[in-house]
N, C-alpha and C. Protein backbone atom coordinates (compact mmCIF):
# COMPACT_ATOMS: atom_id res chain seq x y z
N MET A 1 119.47 112.02 119.70
CA MET A 1 119.97 111.98 118.33
C MET A 1 121.08 110.95 118.20
N VAL A 2 121.03 110.18 117.11
CA VAL A 2 122.06 109.16 116.89
C VAL A 2 123.36 109.82 116.49
N HIS A 3 124.44 109.36 117.10
CA HIS A 3 125.76 109.87 116.75
C HIS A 3 126.25 109.19 115.49
N ILE A 4 126.64 110.00 114.51
CA ILE A 4 127.17 109.45 113.27
C ILE A 4 128.70 109.45 113.36
N SER A 5 129.27 108.28 113.27
CA SER A 5 130.71 108.17 113.30
C SER A 5 131.28 108.65 111.97
N LYS A 6 132.57 108.71 111.92
CA LYS A 6 133.23 109.10 110.67
C LYS A 6 132.81 108.13 109.58
N PRO A 7 132.30 108.65 108.44
CA PRO A 7 131.83 107.76 107.37
C PRO A 7 132.93 106.80 106.91
N HIS A 8 132.50 105.63 106.47
CA HIS A 8 133.45 104.69 105.90
C HIS A 8 134.05 105.29 104.63
N ASP A 9 135.29 104.91 104.33
CA ASP A 9 135.84 105.37 103.05
C ASP A 9 135.19 104.57 101.93
N ALA A 10 135.45 104.97 100.70
CA ALA A 10 134.76 104.37 99.55
C ALA A 10 134.98 102.85 99.47
N ASP A 11 136.18 102.40 99.78
CA ASP A 11 136.46 100.96 99.73
C ASP A 11 135.68 100.20 100.80
N GLN A 12 135.63 100.76 102.01
CA GLN A 12 134.87 100.13 103.09
C GLN A 12 133.38 100.06 102.75
N GLN A 13 132.87 101.16 102.20
CA GLN A 13 131.46 101.19 101.80
C GLN A 13 131.17 100.09 100.78
N ALA A 14 132.03 100.00 99.78
CA ALA A 14 131.83 99.00 98.72
C ALA A 14 131.86 97.59 99.28
N ARG A 15 132.81 97.33 100.20
CA ARG A 15 132.92 95.99 100.79
C ARG A 15 131.68 95.65 101.62
N LEU A 16 131.19 96.65 102.37
CA LEU A 16 130.02 96.43 103.21
C LEU A 16 128.77 96.18 102.35
N ILE A 17 128.61 96.95 101.30
CA ILE A 17 127.47 96.77 100.40
C ILE A 17 127.55 95.41 99.72
N ASP A 18 128.74 95.00 99.31
CA ASP A 18 128.92 93.67 98.73
C ASP A 18 128.55 92.58 99.74
N ALA A 19 128.95 92.79 101.00
CA ALA A 19 128.67 91.80 102.04
C ALA A 19 127.17 91.68 102.31
N LEU A 20 126.44 92.77 102.14
CA LEU A 20 124.98 92.73 102.31
C LEU A 20 124.31 91.86 101.25
N ARG A 21 125.04 91.63 100.14
CA ARG A 21 124.50 90.81 99.04
C ARG A 21 125.13 89.42 98.99
N ALA A 22 125.94 89.08 99.99
CA ALA A 22 126.67 87.81 99.98
C ALA A 22 125.70 86.62 100.02
N PRO A 23 126.08 85.49 99.43
CA PRO A 23 125.22 84.31 99.45
C PRO A 23 124.97 83.77 100.86
N ASN A 24 125.95 83.95 101.73
CA ASN A 24 125.87 83.39 103.08
C ASN A 24 125.12 84.36 104.01
N ALA A 25 124.07 83.86 104.67
CA ALA A 25 123.26 84.71 105.55
C ALA A 25 124.07 85.26 106.72
N SER A 26 125.02 84.47 107.23
CA SER A 26 125.84 84.94 108.35
C SER A 26 126.69 86.14 107.95
N THR A 27 127.18 86.13 106.72
CA THR A 27 127.96 87.27 106.22
C THR A 27 127.07 88.51 106.12
N ARG A 28 125.86 88.32 105.62
CA ARG A 28 124.93 89.45 105.50
C ARG A 28 124.54 89.97 106.87
N LEU A 29 124.37 89.07 107.83
CA LEU A 29 124.02 89.47 109.19
C LEU A 29 125.14 90.32 109.80
N ARG A 30 126.38 89.89 109.61
CA ARG A 30 127.52 90.65 110.15
C ARG A 30 127.63 92.02 109.46
N ALA A 31 127.33 92.06 108.18
CA ALA A 31 127.39 93.33 107.46
C ALA A 31 126.34 94.31 107.98
N ALA A 32 125.13 93.81 108.22
CA ALA A 32 124.07 94.67 108.77
C ALA A 32 124.43 95.15 110.17
N LEU A 33 125.02 94.26 110.97
CA LEU A 33 125.47 94.64 112.31
C LEU A 33 126.53 95.74 112.23
N ALA A 34 127.49 95.60 111.32
CA ALA A 34 128.54 96.61 111.15
C ALA A 34 127.94 97.94 110.72
N ALA A 35 126.94 97.89 109.83
CA ALA A 35 126.31 99.12 109.35
C ALA A 35 125.59 99.87 110.46
N GLY A 36 125.04 99.13 111.42
CA GLY A 36 124.38 99.78 112.54
C GLY A 36 125.32 100.19 113.64
N THR A 37 126.40 99.45 113.78
CA THR A 37 127.39 99.77 114.83
C THR A 37 128.11 101.07 114.51
N THR A 38 128.40 101.28 113.24
CA THR A 38 129.04 102.52 112.81
C THR A 38 128.15 103.17 111.75
N PRO A 39 127.13 103.90 112.19
CA PRO A 39 126.19 104.50 111.23
C PRO A 39 126.89 105.40 110.22
N ASP A 40 126.46 105.31 108.99
CA ASP A 40 127.05 106.07 107.89
C ASP A 40 125.91 106.45 106.95
N PRO A 41 125.66 107.73 106.73
CA PRO A 41 124.54 108.18 105.89
C PRO A 41 124.53 107.55 104.50
N THR A 42 125.69 107.24 103.97
CA THR A 42 125.75 106.68 102.61
C THR A 42 125.21 105.25 102.55
N LEU A 43 125.01 104.63 103.70
CA LEU A 43 124.53 103.25 103.72
C LEU A 43 123.01 103.14 103.87
N VAL A 44 122.34 104.26 104.12
CA VAL A 44 120.90 104.22 104.35
C VAL A 44 120.17 103.63 103.15
N HIS A 45 120.47 104.12 101.95
CA HIS A 45 119.78 103.62 100.76
C HIS A 45 120.06 102.13 100.52
N PRO A 46 121.32 101.69 100.57
CA PRO A 46 121.57 100.25 100.38
C PRO A 46 120.88 99.38 101.43
N LEU A 47 120.80 99.85 102.67
CA LEU A 47 120.13 99.07 103.72
C LEU A 47 118.64 98.93 103.42
N ILE A 48 118.01 100.03 103.03
CA ILE A 48 116.58 100.00 102.73
C ILE A 48 116.32 99.13 101.50
N ALA A 49 117.18 99.26 100.50
CA ALA A 49 117.02 98.45 99.30
C ALA A 49 117.13 96.96 99.63
N ARG A 50 118.05 96.62 100.51
CA ARG A 50 118.25 95.22 100.89
C ARG A 50 117.04 94.67 101.65
N CYS A 51 116.39 95.52 102.44
CA CYS A 51 115.21 95.09 103.19
C CYS A 51 114.15 94.49 102.26
N GLY A 52 114.06 95.02 101.06
CA GLY A 52 113.02 94.59 100.14
C GLY A 52 113.25 93.23 99.52
N ILE A 53 114.47 92.71 99.61
CA ILE A 53 114.79 91.43 98.95
C ILE A 53 115.44 90.41 99.87
N GLU A 54 115.76 90.81 101.10
CA GLU A 54 116.45 89.90 102.02
C GLU A 54 115.55 88.73 102.41
N PRO A 55 115.99 87.47 102.16
CA PRO A 55 115.13 86.32 102.46
C PRO A 55 115.17 85.84 103.91
N ASP A 56 116.23 86.20 104.65
CA ASP A 56 116.41 85.66 105.99
C ASP A 56 115.79 86.58 107.04
N PHE A 57 114.94 86.02 107.90
CA PHE A 57 114.25 86.82 108.92
C PHE A 57 115.24 87.55 109.84
N PHE A 58 116.26 86.84 110.32
CA PHE A 58 117.18 87.44 111.28
C PHE A 58 118.01 88.56 110.64
N VAL A 59 118.35 88.39 109.38
CA VAL A 59 119.07 89.46 108.69
C VAL A 59 118.15 90.67 108.51
N ARG A 60 116.89 90.42 108.15
CA ARG A 60 115.95 91.53 108.00
C ARG A 60 115.81 92.30 109.32
N ASP A 61 115.76 91.57 110.41
CA ASP A 61 115.64 92.23 111.71
C ASP A 61 116.88 93.07 112.02
N MET A 62 118.05 92.58 111.63
CA MET A 62 119.28 93.33 111.84
C MET A 62 119.34 94.55 110.92
N LEU A 63 118.81 94.43 109.73
CA LEU A 63 118.74 95.58 108.82
C LEU A 63 117.87 96.69 109.43
N THR A 64 116.76 96.29 110.02
CA THR A 64 115.89 97.26 110.70
C THR A 64 116.64 97.93 111.84
N TRP A 65 117.35 97.13 112.64
CA TRP A 65 118.13 97.70 113.74
C TRP A 65 119.16 98.69 113.22
N ALA A 66 119.84 98.33 112.14
CA ALA A 66 120.85 99.21 111.57
C ALA A 66 120.23 100.53 111.11
N LEU A 67 119.04 100.45 110.52
CA LEU A 67 118.38 101.67 110.02
C LEU A 67 117.97 102.60 111.16
N ILE A 68 117.44 102.03 112.25
CA ILE A 68 117.00 102.91 113.33
C ILE A 68 118.18 103.49 114.11
N ARG A 69 119.38 103.03 113.83
CA ARG A 69 120.59 103.63 114.40
C ARG A 69 120.98 104.90 113.64
N HIS A 70 120.38 105.11 112.48
CA HIS A 70 120.67 106.30 111.67
C HIS A 70 119.66 107.41 111.98
N PRO A 71 120.00 108.66 111.71
CA PRO A 71 119.06 109.76 111.99
C PRO A 71 117.77 109.61 111.20
N THR A 72 116.66 109.92 111.84
CA THR A 72 115.36 109.76 111.19
C THR A 72 115.19 110.69 109.99
N GLU A 73 115.87 111.83 109.98
CA GLU A 73 115.74 112.73 108.83
C GLU A 73 116.30 112.10 107.55
N LEU A 74 117.15 111.08 107.74
CA LEU A 74 117.70 110.37 106.58
C LEU A 74 116.86 109.14 106.22
N THR A 75 116.39 108.44 107.24
CA THR A 75 115.70 107.17 106.98
C THR A 75 114.22 107.33 106.68
N VAL A 76 113.53 108.17 107.43
CA VAL A 76 112.07 108.22 107.32
C VAL A 76 111.58 108.58 105.91
N PRO A 77 112.13 109.60 105.24
CA PRO A 77 111.63 109.90 103.89
C PRO A 77 111.74 108.72 102.93
N GLU A 78 112.85 107.99 103.00
CA GLU A 78 113.00 106.82 102.12
C GLU A 78 112.06 105.70 102.51
N LEU A 79 111.89 105.49 103.81
CA LEU A 79 110.98 104.43 104.27
C LEU A 79 109.54 104.74 103.85
N LEU A 80 109.14 105.99 103.94
CA LEU A 80 107.79 106.37 103.52
C LEU A 80 107.60 106.17 102.03
N THR A 81 108.63 106.45 101.26
CA THR A 81 108.55 106.24 99.82
C THR A 81 108.36 104.76 99.50
N GLU A 82 109.04 103.89 100.27
CA GLU A 82 108.95 102.45 100.04
C GLU A 82 107.55 101.89 100.31
N LEU A 83 106.74 102.63 101.06
CA LEU A 83 105.38 102.17 101.34
C LEU A 83 104.53 102.12 100.07
N TYR A 84 104.98 102.79 99.03
CA TYR A 84 104.25 102.80 97.75
C TYR A 84 104.90 101.87 96.73
N SER A 85 105.87 101.08 97.17
CA SER A 85 106.57 100.16 96.28
C SER A 85 105.63 99.06 95.77
N GLY A 86 105.92 98.58 94.57
CA GLY A 86 105.16 97.44 94.05
C GLY A 86 105.60 96.13 94.65
N ASN A 87 106.67 96.14 95.44
CA ASN A 87 107.20 94.94 96.07
C ASN A 87 106.62 94.81 97.49
N PRO A 88 105.80 93.78 97.74
CA PRO A 88 105.18 93.65 99.07
C PRO A 88 106.18 93.61 100.22
N GLN A 89 107.33 92.96 100.03
CA GLN A 89 108.30 92.89 101.12
C GLN A 89 108.86 94.27 101.44
N SER A 90 109.04 95.11 100.43
CA SER A 90 109.51 96.47 100.69
C SER A 90 108.49 97.23 101.53
N ARG A 91 107.22 97.08 101.20
CA ARG A 91 106.17 97.76 101.97
C ARG A 91 106.15 97.24 103.41
N SER A 92 106.19 95.91 103.54
CA SER A 92 106.12 95.29 104.87
C SER A 92 107.30 95.68 105.75
N GLN A 93 108.51 95.59 105.20
CA GLN A 93 109.70 95.88 106.00
C GLN A 93 109.80 97.36 106.37
N SER A 94 109.36 98.22 105.46
CA SER A 94 109.38 99.65 105.78
C SER A 94 108.39 99.96 106.91
N LEU A 95 107.21 99.33 106.85
CA LEU A 95 106.25 99.49 107.95
C LEU A 95 106.86 99.02 109.27
N HIS A 96 107.48 97.86 109.22
CA HIS A 96 108.09 97.29 110.43
C HIS A 96 109.14 98.24 111.01
N THR A 97 109.97 98.80 110.15
CA THR A 97 111.03 99.71 110.62
C THR A 97 110.42 100.98 111.18
N LEU A 98 109.40 101.52 110.53
CA LEU A 98 108.74 102.73 111.04
C LEU A 98 108.10 102.47 112.40
N SER A 99 107.58 101.26 112.60
CA SER A 99 106.97 100.94 113.89
C SER A 99 108.01 100.96 115.01
N LYS A 100 109.23 100.58 114.69
CA LYS A 100 110.29 100.57 115.70
C LYS A 100 110.69 101.98 116.11
N LEU A 101 110.44 102.95 115.25
CA LEU A 101 110.73 104.34 115.61
C LEU A 101 109.69 104.88 116.60
N ALA A 102 108.47 104.30 116.55
CA ALA A 102 107.39 104.64 117.49
C ALA A 102 107.13 106.15 117.57
N ASP A 103 107.23 106.83 116.44
CA ASP A 103 107.00 108.28 116.38
C ASP A 103 105.54 108.52 116.00
N LYS A 104 104.76 109.07 116.93
CA LYS A 104 103.33 109.29 116.69
C LYS A 104 103.08 110.25 115.52
N ASP A 105 104.05 111.10 115.20
CA ASP A 105 103.89 112.02 114.07
C ASP A 105 103.79 111.29 112.73
N LEU A 106 104.20 110.02 112.72
CA LEU A 106 104.15 109.25 111.48
C LEU A 106 102.75 108.75 111.17
N TRP A 107 101.85 108.80 112.13
CA TRP A 107 100.50 108.27 111.97
C TRP A 107 99.81 108.81 110.70
N ARG A 108 99.90 110.09 110.48
CA ARG A 108 99.21 110.70 109.33
C ARG A 108 99.99 110.55 108.04
N LYS A 109 101.21 110.07 108.12
CA LYS A 109 102.04 109.93 106.92
C LYS A 109 102.00 108.52 106.33
N VAL A 110 101.55 107.57 107.13
CA VAL A 110 101.47 106.18 106.66
C VAL A 110 100.10 105.94 106.04
N PRO A 111 100.02 105.53 104.77
CA PRO A 111 98.72 105.33 104.12
C PRO A 111 97.85 104.31 104.85
N LYS A 112 96.62 104.70 105.18
CA LYS A 112 95.70 103.78 105.86
C LYS A 112 95.33 102.61 104.95
N SER A 113 95.47 102.80 103.64
CA SER A 113 95.14 101.73 102.70
C SER A 113 95.99 100.48 102.91
N LEU A 114 97.15 100.64 103.54
CA LEU A 114 98.02 99.48 103.77
C LEU A 114 97.39 98.49 104.74
N MET A 115 96.47 98.97 105.57
CA MET A 115 95.77 98.05 106.49
C MET A 115 94.83 97.12 105.73
N HIS A 116 94.57 97.45 104.46
CA HIS A 116 93.68 96.65 103.62
C HIS A 116 94.44 96.12 102.40
N ASP A 117 95.76 96.08 102.50
CA ASP A 117 96.59 95.64 101.38
C ASP A 117 96.23 94.23 100.95
N ALA A 118 96.32 93.97 99.65
CA ALA A 118 96.00 92.64 99.13
C ALA A 118 96.96 91.58 99.64
N ASP A 119 98.18 91.97 99.98
CA ASP A 119 99.17 91.04 100.51
C ASP A 119 98.95 90.89 102.02
N ASP A 120 98.75 89.67 102.48
CA ASP A 120 98.45 89.43 103.90
C ASP A 120 99.54 89.91 104.84
N GLU A 121 100.80 89.70 104.46
CA GLU A 121 101.89 90.09 105.36
C GLU A 121 102.00 91.61 105.47
N VAL A 122 101.74 92.31 104.38
CA VAL A 122 101.74 93.78 104.42
C VAL A 122 100.61 94.26 105.33
N ALA A 123 99.42 93.70 105.14
CA ALA A 123 98.28 94.10 105.97
C ALA A 123 98.56 93.82 107.44
N ARG A 124 99.08 92.63 107.73
CA ARG A 124 99.38 92.26 109.12
C ARG A 124 100.37 93.25 109.75
N THR A 125 101.42 93.58 109.02
CA THR A 125 102.42 94.52 109.54
C THR A 125 101.81 95.91 109.69
N ALA A 126 100.93 96.28 108.78
CA ALA A 126 100.27 97.58 108.87
C ALA A 126 99.39 97.66 110.12
N TRP A 127 98.71 96.56 110.46
CA TRP A 127 97.89 96.56 111.68
C TRP A 127 98.75 96.79 112.92
N ARG A 128 99.84 96.06 112.99
CA ARG A 128 100.73 96.19 114.15
C ARG A 128 101.33 97.59 114.22
N THR A 129 101.73 98.10 113.08
CA THR A 129 102.36 99.42 113.04
C THR A 129 101.36 100.50 113.45
N ALA A 130 100.14 100.38 112.95
CA ALA A 130 99.11 101.37 113.28
C ALA A 130 98.85 101.43 114.78
N VAL A 131 98.81 100.26 115.42
CA VAL A 131 98.57 100.22 116.87
C VAL A 131 99.69 100.92 117.63
N VAL A 132 100.92 100.80 117.13
CA VAL A 132 102.07 101.46 117.78
C VAL A 132 102.03 102.97 117.55
N LEU A 133 101.65 103.39 116.34
CA LEU A 133 101.77 104.81 115.97
C LEU A 133 100.54 105.65 116.30
N VAL A 134 99.39 105.00 116.53
CA VAL A 134 98.16 105.78 116.70
C VAL A 134 98.26 106.74 117.89
N PRO A 135 97.99 108.03 117.67
CA PRO A 135 98.05 108.99 118.79
C PRO A 135 96.82 108.87 119.68
N HIS A 136 96.96 109.36 120.89
CA HIS A 136 95.83 109.37 121.82
C HIS A 136 94.67 110.16 121.20
N GLY A 137 93.50 109.58 121.25
CA GLY A 137 92.33 110.24 120.69
C GLY A 137 91.95 109.75 119.31
N GLU A 138 92.85 109.00 118.67
CA GLU A 138 92.58 108.50 117.32
C GLU A 138 92.28 106.99 117.32
N GLU A 139 92.17 106.41 118.50
CA GLU A 139 91.97 104.97 118.59
C GLU A 139 90.67 104.51 117.92
N LYS A 140 89.60 105.30 118.05
CA LYS A 140 88.33 104.91 117.43
C LYS A 140 88.41 104.92 115.91
N VAL A 141 89.18 105.87 115.39
CA VAL A 141 89.39 105.94 113.94
C VAL A 141 90.09 104.67 113.46
N LEU A 142 91.13 104.29 114.20
CA LEU A 142 91.87 103.08 113.84
C LEU A 142 90.99 101.83 114.00
N ALA A 143 90.23 101.77 115.07
CA ALA A 143 89.36 100.62 115.30
C ALA A 143 88.38 100.45 114.15
N ALA A 144 87.85 101.56 113.64
CA ALA A 144 86.90 101.50 112.52
C ALA A 144 87.56 100.95 111.25
N GLU A 145 88.84 101.24 111.08
CA GLU A 145 89.58 100.69 109.93
C GLU A 145 89.82 99.19 110.11
N LEU A 146 90.28 98.82 111.27
CA LEU A 146 90.65 97.42 111.52
C LEU A 146 89.45 96.49 111.52
N ILE A 147 88.32 96.96 112.04
CA ILE A 147 87.16 96.06 112.20
C ILE A 147 86.66 95.56 110.86
N THR A 148 86.93 96.32 109.79
CA THR A 148 86.47 95.92 108.46
C THR A 148 87.25 94.72 107.91
N GLU A 149 88.34 94.37 108.57
CA GLU A 149 89.16 93.24 108.13
C GLU A 149 88.77 91.93 108.82
N LEU A 150 87.78 91.98 109.72
CA LEU A 150 87.32 90.76 110.38
C LEU A 150 86.89 89.72 109.35
N GLY A 151 87.27 88.48 109.60
CA GLY A 151 86.93 87.38 108.70
C GLY A 151 87.98 87.10 107.65
N ARG A 152 89.00 87.93 107.59
CA ARG A 152 90.02 87.77 106.55
C ARG A 152 91.06 86.72 106.92
N GLY A 153 91.46 85.94 105.93
CA GLY A 153 92.66 85.11 106.04
C GLY A 153 92.54 83.84 106.87
N ASP A 154 93.70 83.22 107.09
CA ASP A 154 93.76 81.98 107.85
C ASP A 154 93.77 82.28 109.35
N ARG A 155 93.89 81.22 110.14
CA ARG A 155 93.84 81.37 111.61
C ARG A 155 94.92 82.33 112.11
N ASP A 156 96.11 82.21 111.56
CA ASP A 156 97.23 83.06 111.98
C ASP A 156 96.94 84.53 111.73
N LEU A 157 96.43 84.82 110.55
CA LEU A 157 96.14 86.21 110.20
C LEU A 157 95.00 86.75 111.05
N LYS A 158 93.98 85.93 111.25
CA LYS A 158 92.86 86.35 112.09
C LYS A 158 93.34 86.66 113.51
N ARG A 159 94.21 85.81 114.04
CA ARG A 159 94.73 86.04 115.39
C ARG A 159 95.50 87.35 115.45
N SER A 160 96.28 87.66 114.42
CA SER A 160 97.04 88.92 114.39
C SER A 160 96.10 90.12 114.43
N LEU A 161 95.02 90.04 113.66
CA LEU A 161 94.06 91.14 113.67
C LEU A 161 93.40 91.28 115.03
N SER A 162 93.03 90.15 115.62
CA SER A 162 92.40 90.18 116.94
C SER A 162 93.33 90.82 117.97
N ARG A 163 94.61 90.48 117.93
CA ARG A 163 95.58 91.07 118.85
C ARG A 163 95.65 92.58 118.67
N ALA A 164 95.64 93.01 117.40
CA ALA A 164 95.69 94.46 117.13
C ALA A 164 94.44 95.15 117.66
N LEU A 165 93.28 94.54 117.46
CA LEU A 165 92.04 95.13 117.95
C LEU A 165 92.01 95.21 119.47
N ILE A 166 92.45 94.15 120.11
CA ILE A 166 92.45 94.11 121.57
C ILE A 166 93.35 95.20 122.16
N ALA A 167 94.42 95.50 121.46
CA ALA A 167 95.34 96.55 121.94
C ALA A 167 94.66 97.92 122.01
N LEU A 168 93.55 98.07 121.28
CA LEU A 168 92.83 99.36 121.28
C LEU A 168 91.82 99.45 122.41
N ASP A 169 91.61 98.35 123.11
CA ASP A 169 90.82 98.30 124.34
C ASP A 169 89.40 98.85 124.12
N ASP A 170 89.03 99.91 124.86
CA ASP A 170 87.64 100.40 124.86
C ASP A 170 87.15 100.84 123.48
N ALA A 171 88.06 101.24 122.61
CA ALA A 171 87.67 101.77 121.31
C ALA A 171 86.96 100.72 120.45
N ILE A 172 87.17 99.43 120.73
CA ILE A 172 86.60 98.42 119.83
C ILE A 172 85.28 97.83 120.32
N HIS A 173 84.89 98.08 121.56
CA HIS A 173 83.73 97.40 122.13
C HIS A 173 82.45 97.55 121.30
N PRO A 174 82.01 98.78 120.97
CA PRO A 174 80.76 98.88 120.20
C PRO A 174 80.88 98.27 118.81
N LEU A 175 82.04 98.39 118.19
CA LEU A 175 82.24 97.84 116.85
C LEU A 175 82.24 96.32 116.89
N LEU A 176 82.83 95.76 117.93
CA LEU A 176 82.88 94.30 118.07
C LEU A 176 81.49 93.74 118.33
N THR A 177 80.71 94.45 119.13
CA THR A 177 79.33 94.03 119.39
C THR A 177 78.53 93.98 118.10
N ALA A 178 78.69 95.01 117.26
CA ALA A 178 77.99 95.04 115.98
C ALA A 178 78.45 93.89 115.08
N ALA A 179 79.76 93.63 115.09
CA ALA A 179 80.31 92.56 114.25
C ALA A 179 79.81 91.19 114.67
N MET A 180 79.56 91.02 115.96
CA MET A 180 79.06 89.73 116.45
C MET A 180 77.63 89.46 116.00
N ASN A 181 76.98 90.49 115.45
CA ASN A 181 75.62 90.33 114.93
C ASN A 181 75.59 90.46 113.41
N SER A 182 76.75 90.35 112.79
CA SER A 182 76.85 90.47 111.34
C SER A 182 76.11 89.31 110.64
N ASN A 183 75.65 89.58 109.42
CA ASN A 183 75.03 88.53 108.61
C ASN A 183 76.06 87.56 108.05
N ASP A 184 77.32 87.98 108.07
CA ASP A 184 78.41 87.14 107.53
C ASP A 184 78.94 86.25 108.65
N PRO A 185 78.80 84.93 108.52
CA PRO A 185 79.24 84.03 109.61
C PRO A 185 80.74 84.09 109.87
N ALA A 186 81.56 84.41 108.85
CA ALA A 186 83.01 84.51 109.05
C ALA A 186 83.34 85.71 109.92
N ILE A 187 82.65 86.82 109.69
CA ILE A 187 82.86 88.02 110.51
C ILE A 187 82.37 87.77 111.93
N ARG A 188 81.19 87.15 112.04
CA ARG A 188 80.63 86.84 113.36
C ARG A 188 81.57 85.96 114.16
N ALA A 189 82.07 84.91 113.53
CA ALA A 189 82.95 83.96 114.22
C ALA A 189 84.24 84.64 114.67
N HIS A 190 84.81 85.46 113.80
CA HIS A 190 86.05 86.15 114.15
C HIS A 190 85.81 87.13 115.29
N ALA A 191 84.68 87.82 115.27
CA ALA A 191 84.36 88.77 116.34
C ALA A 191 84.20 88.05 117.68
N HIS A 192 83.52 86.90 117.67
CA HIS A 192 83.36 86.14 118.91
C HIS A 192 84.71 85.62 119.42
N ALA A 193 85.56 85.17 118.50
CA ALA A 193 86.89 84.69 118.89
C ALA A 193 87.72 85.83 119.49
N THR A 194 87.55 87.03 118.93
CA THR A 194 88.26 88.19 119.45
C THR A 194 87.78 88.53 120.85
N GLU A 195 86.47 88.45 121.05
CA GLU A 195 85.91 88.73 122.37
C GLU A 195 86.44 87.75 123.40
N ARG A 196 86.51 86.46 123.03
CA ARG A 196 87.03 85.46 123.97
C ARG A 196 88.50 85.73 124.30
N LEU A 197 89.25 86.13 123.28
CA LEU A 197 90.67 86.43 123.50
C LEU A 197 90.84 87.67 124.37
N MET A 198 89.95 88.63 124.21
CA MET A 198 90.00 89.84 125.03
C MET A 198 89.74 89.50 126.50
N ALA A 199 88.82 88.58 126.72
CA ALA A 199 88.49 88.19 128.09
C ALA A 199 89.63 87.42 128.75
N ASP A 200 90.37 86.67 127.94
CA ASP A 200 91.49 85.88 128.46
C ASP A 200 92.64 85.93 127.45
N PRO A 201 93.49 86.97 127.53
CA PRO A 201 94.57 87.17 126.56
C PRO A 201 95.57 86.03 126.48
N ASP A 202 95.63 85.19 127.52
CA ASP A 202 96.57 84.06 127.52
C ASP A 202 95.98 82.80 126.89
N SER A 203 94.71 82.89 126.52
CA SER A 203 94.05 81.71 125.95
C SER A 203 94.41 81.54 124.48
N GLU A 204 94.06 80.38 123.94
CA GLU A 204 94.26 80.12 122.52
C GLU A 204 93.21 80.87 121.70
N PHE A 205 93.62 81.32 120.52
CA PHE A 205 92.66 81.91 119.59
C PHE A 205 91.90 80.79 118.92
N THR A 206 90.57 80.75 119.07
CA THR A 206 89.81 79.63 118.53
C THR A 206 88.53 80.10 117.86
N ILE A 207 88.23 79.47 116.72
CA ILE A 207 86.91 79.58 116.08
C ILE A 207 86.16 78.31 116.49
N THR A 208 85.00 78.45 117.09
CA THR A 208 84.28 77.27 117.58
C THR A 208 83.88 76.36 116.42
N ALA A 209 83.65 75.10 116.75
CA ALA A 209 83.26 74.12 115.73
C ALA A 209 81.94 74.53 115.07
N GLU A 210 81.02 75.07 115.85
CA GLU A 210 79.72 75.48 115.30
C GLU A 210 79.90 76.63 114.31
N ASP A 211 80.74 77.62 114.70
CA ASP A 211 81.02 78.74 113.79
C ASP A 211 81.70 78.25 112.52
N ALA A 212 82.63 77.32 112.67
CA ALA A 212 83.34 76.78 111.51
C ALA A 212 82.37 76.10 110.55
N ARG A 213 81.37 75.39 111.09
CA ARG A 213 80.37 74.73 110.23
C ARG A 213 79.54 75.77 109.48
N ARG A 214 79.17 76.84 110.18
CA ARG A 214 78.39 77.89 109.52
C ARG A 214 79.17 78.50 108.36
N ILE A 215 80.46 78.77 108.59
CA ILE A 215 81.29 79.35 107.55
C ILE A 215 81.40 78.39 106.35
N ALA A 216 81.62 77.11 106.67
CA ALA A 216 81.73 76.10 105.60
C ALA A 216 80.43 75.99 104.81
N ASN A 217 79.29 76.02 105.51
CA ASN A 217 78.00 75.90 104.84
C ASN A 217 77.73 77.10 103.94
N THR A 218 78.14 78.28 104.41
CA THR A 218 77.98 79.48 103.58
C THR A 218 78.81 79.38 102.31
N GLY A 219 80.04 78.88 102.46
CA GLY A 219 80.92 78.70 101.30
C GLY A 219 80.35 77.70 100.32
N ASN A 220 79.76 76.62 100.83
CA ASN A 220 79.16 75.60 99.96
C ASN A 220 77.95 76.15 99.23
N ALA A 221 77.16 76.97 99.94
CA ALA A 221 75.97 77.55 99.33
C ALA A 221 76.35 78.49 98.21
N SER A 222 77.44 79.26 98.42
CA SER A 222 77.89 80.21 97.40
C SER A 222 78.35 79.47 96.15
N ARG A 223 79.01 78.33 96.33
CA ARG A 223 79.50 77.57 95.18
C ARG A 223 78.35 76.91 94.41
N ASP A 224 77.22 76.64 95.12
CA ASP A 224 76.08 75.98 94.47
C ASP A 224 75.24 76.95 93.64
N GLU A 225 75.41 78.26 93.92
CA GLU A 225 74.59 79.26 93.21
C GLU A 225 74.98 79.37 91.75
């Protein structure tokens, strides 16, 4: 259990919250560090709210660290609520923070729909979070969700999905085999690239030139219809 120090007085709280909104990223970083160094229940809501709008990656990471320094009974309910936010960054950052808690009990509380979110960064974070939170015995269920995202997005997003699938190991083999025989060349290509990455995790994620031509030809045919 995280030890909660004596709460900041009202003036300290106000100064810290103001610092979290400062124009300078270094000031915001120091404020997030202070909030985690001396956890205070009254700062949980401002920290979570800031996660949804913070533009700097390093500050966002420090906000996550500050939140996981607070008791989960305070943070988790608010983080779960943020998963339904209309703001993609709020959804993404809340998923990221929940993944850092690595509590398997959260598996059933996180909406599976986030793995298919229209926002690529939310979906990517949901894939990573699901792999961390999935309990033993539920890997096949997760694999069935993830495999439906094959073919989505740019090279970076495809690689992220492949990494998530590979982390499930044996659970993905039959699904990947089926995907490699898909009628959709984008799904087929992504499945083959995933298989190659599984065989050599240190290798580059690549879509072969032949697969790329098939995907391009399919796209051209669709536009001609």
